[in-house]
């Protein structure tokens, strides 16, 4: 490849025309590639959205089926209410003096 400084004005114009022709011929291929890449991106975005929605749905279902922490209807609270007080719990109450 010759150095552009060594080319005459006529040869330089010929090179420019060759480059312009090359790029003009390449445009349809590039447009096809752009269309392909755009469609591919849209497909991947749709897959991501679908996976994200499926994940959110699973989280909603898991949260609605699992008991909440600190729920007043838990089994441990029921057990505490139904058991009689222990000796230590009885001694914490104040007693009246008999006179």
Protein backbone atom coordinates (compact mmCIF):
# COMPACT_ATOMS: atom_id res chain seq x y z
CA UNK A 1 0.00 0.00 0.00
CA UNK A 2 1.39 3.31 -1.00
CA UNK A 3 1.73 6.26 1.34
CA UNK A 4 -1.00 8.86 0.60
CA UNK A 5 1.69 11.54 0.52
CA UNK A 6 3.26 9.86 -2.51
CA UNK A 7 0.01 9.73 -4.50
CA UNK A 8 -0.86 12.22 -7.17
CA UNK A 9 -4.12 14.16 -6.96
CA UNK A 10 -5.66 11.88 -9.59
CA UNK A 11 -4.64 8.70 -7.72
CA UNK A 12 -5.91 10.16 -4.45
CA UNK A 13 -9.31 10.92 -5.99
CA UNK A 14 -9.41 7.38 -7.41
CA UNK A 15 -8.72 5.94 -3.92
CA UNK A 16 -11.45 8.08 -2.39
CA UNK A 17 -13.90 6.86 -5.01
CA UNK A 18 -12.93 3.22 -4.33
CA UNK A 19 -13.49 3.73 -0.60
CA UNK A 20 -16.85 5.42 -1.21
CA UNK A 21 -17.94 2.55 -3.44
CA UNK A 22 -16.82 -0.01 -0.86
CA UNK A 23 -18.78 1.70 1.92
CA UNK A 24 -21.86 2.19 -0.25
CA UNK A 25 -21.83 -1.52 -1.12
CA UNK A 26 -21.42 -2.46 2.55
CA UNK A 27 -24.41 -0.46 3.82
CA UNK A 28 -27.09 -3.08 3.00
CA UNK A 29 -25.10 -5.74 4.87
CA UNK A 30 -24.65 -3.44 7.83
CA UNK A 31 -28.37 -2.63 7.87
CA UNK A 32 -29.16 -6.34 7.89
CA UNK A 33 -26.71 -6.86 10.73
CA UNK A 34 -28.26 -3.96 12.67
CA UNK A 35 -31.73 -5.44 12.21
CA UNK A 36 -30.46 -8.83 13.41
CA UNK A 37 -28.70 -7.38 16.46
CA UNK A 38 -31.73 -5.26 17.36
CA UNK A 39 -34.06 -8.25 17.18
CA UNK A 40 -31.62 -10.36 19.20
CA UNK A 41 -31.50 -7.67 21.89
CA UNK A 42 -35.30 -7.51 22.04
CA UNK A 43 -35.50 -11.30 22.41
CA UNK A 44 -32.98 -11.27 25.27
CA UNK A 45 -34.84 -8.42 27.00
CA UNK A 46 -38.09 -10.36 26.75
CA UNK A 47 -36.42 -13.45 28.24
CA UNK A 48 -35.03 -11.37 31.10
CA UNK A 49 -38.42 -9.82 31.83
CA UNK A 50 -40.11 -13.22 31.79
CA UNK A 51 -37.49 -14.69 34.15
CA UNK A 52 -37.77 -11.65 36.43
CA UNK A 53 -41.56 -11.95 36.59
CA UNK A 54 -41.30 -15.66 37.35
CA UNK A 55 -38.87 -14.90 40.18
CA UNK A 56 -41.15 -12.18 41.58
CA UNK A 57 -44.12 -14.55 41.43
CA UNK A 58 -42.16 -17.20 43.32
CA UNK A 59 -41.23 -14.66 46.00
CA UNK A 60 -44.87 -13.58 46.38
CA UNK A 61 -46.02 -17.17 46.68
CA UNK A 62 -43.28 -18.00 49.19
CA UNK A 63 -44.18 -14.97 51.32
CA UNK A 64 -47.89 -15.75 51.33
CA UNK A 65 -47.37 -19.39 52.27
CA UNK A 66 -44.73 -18.93 54.97
CA UNK A 67 -45.81 -17.78 58.47
CA UNK A 68 -44.60 -14.35 59.42
CA UNK A 69 -42.09 -13.87 62.22
CA UNK A 70 -43.71 -12.47 65.35
CA UNK A 71 -47.13 -13.66 64.22
CA UNK A 72 -49.51 -13.70 67.21
CA UNK A 73 -50.96 -17.04 66.17
CA UNK A 74 -47.74 -19.01 66.35
CA UNK A 75 -47.60 -22.32 68.17
CA UNK A 76 -45.09 -21.13 70.78
CA UNK A 77 -47.46 -18.36 71.96
CA UNK A 78 -50.32 -20.82 72.31
CA UNK A 79 -48.14 -23.17 74.35
CA UNK A 80 -47.16 -20.34 76.72
CA UNK A 81 -50.78 -19.36 77.36
CA UNK A 82 -51.94 -22.91 78.12
CA UNK A 83 -49.16 -23.93 80.51
CA UNK A 84 -49.57 -23.30 84.23
CA UNK A 85 -47.13 -20.84 85.80
CA UNK A 86 -43.94 -22.28 87.18
CA UNK A 87 -42.75 -21.87 90.77
CA UNK A 88 -40.54 -18.92 89.78
CA UNK A 89 -43.39 -17.16 88.05
CA UNK A 90 -45.59 -17.55 91.14
CA UNK A 91 -42.98 -16.06 93.45
CA UNK A 92 -42.80 -12.88 91.36
CA UNK A 93 -46.32 -11.91 92.40
CA UNK A 94 -46.80 -9.67 95.41
CA UNK A 95 -48.35 -11.22 98.46
CA UNK A 96 -50.44 -9.56 101.15
CA UNK A 97 -49.38 -9.87 104.73
CA UNK A 98 -51.80 -11.55 107.07
CA UNK A 99 -52.34 -9.68 110.26
